[in-house]
Amino acid sequence: MDQLINNLKKEIVETLNLKHIKPEEIGDDQPLFEGGLGLDSIDALELIVLLQQSYKIKIANPQDGPEIFKSVKSIAMFIKAHQPA
């Protein structure tokens, strides 16, 4: 799980072009949107694409997005629970 979290941090920084942040500066439970990194709805769409392309995971219910993208750890837990074998 730790390796997945570290990989996600790197992918998030690269995908969202967060040049001012190093992956190791992102806390596992740090909020990604309000009160945290300050990501926006466009960033959320890019994270959805990241999950689809890198992990072959599709979010069936858009209502689940805020819970899934709450933190890097919550994304990692979602990937672990839904990644194809």
Protein backbone atom coordinates (compact mmCIF):
# COMPACT_ATOMS: atom_id res chain seq x y z
CA MET A 1 0.00 0.00 0.00
CA ASP A 2 2.87 2.38 0.81
CA GLN A 3 4.36 1.86 -2.65
CA LEU A 4 0.98 2.55 -4.26
CA ILE A 5 0.59 5.76 -2.21
CA ASN A 6 4.08 6.94 -3.19
CA ASN A 7 3.40 6.17 -6.87
CA LEU A 8 0.09 8.04 -6.69
CA LYS A 9 1.77 11.11 -5.22
CA LYS A 10 4.28 11.16 -8.08
CA GLU A 11 1.54 10.63 -10.68
CA ILE A 12 -0.64 13.37 -9.18
CA VAL A 13 2.22 15.88 -9.23
CA GLU A 14 3.09 14.95 -12.84
CA THR A 15 -0.48 14.70 -14.16
CA LEU A 16 -1.65 17.95 -12.58
CA ASN A 17 1.62 19.75 -13.32
CA LEU A 18 2.09 20.76 -9.68
CA LYS A 19 5.60 22.16 -10.10
CA HIS A 20 5.54 23.91 -6.72
CA ILE A 21 4.99 20.66 -4.79
CA LYS A 22 7.23 17.64 -4.32
CA PRO A 23 5.46 14.27 -4.04
CA GLU A 24 6.94 13.67 -0.58
CA GLU A 25 5.39 16.94 0.65
CA ILE A 26 1.89 15.55 0.15
CA GLY A 27 0.55 13.88 3.29
CA ASP A 28 -1.20 10.53 2.90
CA ASP A 29 -4.36 11.87 4.58
CA GLN A 30 -3.99 15.50 3.43
CA PRO A 31 -7.15 16.78 1.73
CA LEU A 32 -6.65 17.16 -2.00
CA PHE A 33 -9.32 19.80 -2.51
CA GLU A 34 -10.68 22.30 0.03
CA GLY A 35 -8.34 22.96 2.92
CA GLY A 36 -5.52 20.94 1.39
CA LEU A 37 -3.79 21.10 -1.98
CA GLY A 38 -6.60 23.25 -3.35
CA LEU A 39 -7.35 21.15 -6.41
CA ASP A 40 -10.40 22.07 -8.51
CA SER A 41 -12.97 20.33 -10.72
CA ILE A 42 -10.64 20.23 -13.73
CA ASP A 43 -8.04 18.50 -11.57
CA ALA A 44 -10.72 15.99 -10.51
CA LEU A 45 -11.38 15.14 -14.16
CA GLU A 46 -7.67 14.60 -14.72
CA LEU A 47 -7.53 12.30 -11.68
CA ILE A 48 -10.42 10.27 -13.12
CA VAL A 49 -8.50 9.89 -16.39
CA LEU A 50 -5.39 8.91 -14.40
CA LEU A 51 -7.33 6.10 -12.68
CA GLN A 52 -8.69 4.88 -16.01
CA GLN A 53 -5.39 4.95 -17.88
CA SER A 54 -2.95 3.84 -15.20
CA TYR A 55 -5.10 1.49 -13.13
CA LYS A 56 -7.91 0.45 -15.53
CA ILE A 57 -10.50 1.61 -13.00
CA LYS A 58 -13.69 3.41 -13.88
CA ILE A 59 -15.79 5.26 -11.32
CA ALA A 60 -19.30 3.94 -11.82
CA ASN A 61 -21.07 6.47 -9.63
CA PRO A 62 -19.91 10.11 -9.95
CA GLN A 63 -21.48 10.77 -6.54
CA ASP A 64 -18.62 8.72 -5.03
CA GLY A 65 -15.98 11.13 -6.38
CA PRO A 66 -15.67 13.41 -3.33
CA GLU A 67 -15.12 10.41 -1.05
CA ILE A 68 -12.68 8.69 -3.41
CA PHE A 69 -10.62 11.82 -4.07
CA LYS A 70 -10.58 12.99 -0.46
CA SER A 71 -6.85 12.15 -0.04
CA VAL A 72 -4.08 10.12 -1.63
CA LYS A 73 -4.79 7.36 0.89
CA SER A 74 -8.49 7.24 -0.04
CA ILE A 75 -7.57 6.96 -3.74
CA ALA A 76 -5.14 4.12 -2.93
CA MET A 77 -7.82 2.28 -0.93
CA PHE A 78 -10.27 2.66 -3.83
CA ILE A 79 -7.68 1.30 -6.27
CA LYS A 80 -6.93 -1.69 -4.03
CA ALA A 81 -10.64 -2.46 -3.71
CA HIS A 82 -11.46 -2.12 -7.42
CA GLN A 83 -8.36 -3.00 -9.40
CA PRO A 84 -8.84 -5.90 -11.79
CA ALA A 85 -6.98 -9.02 -10.76
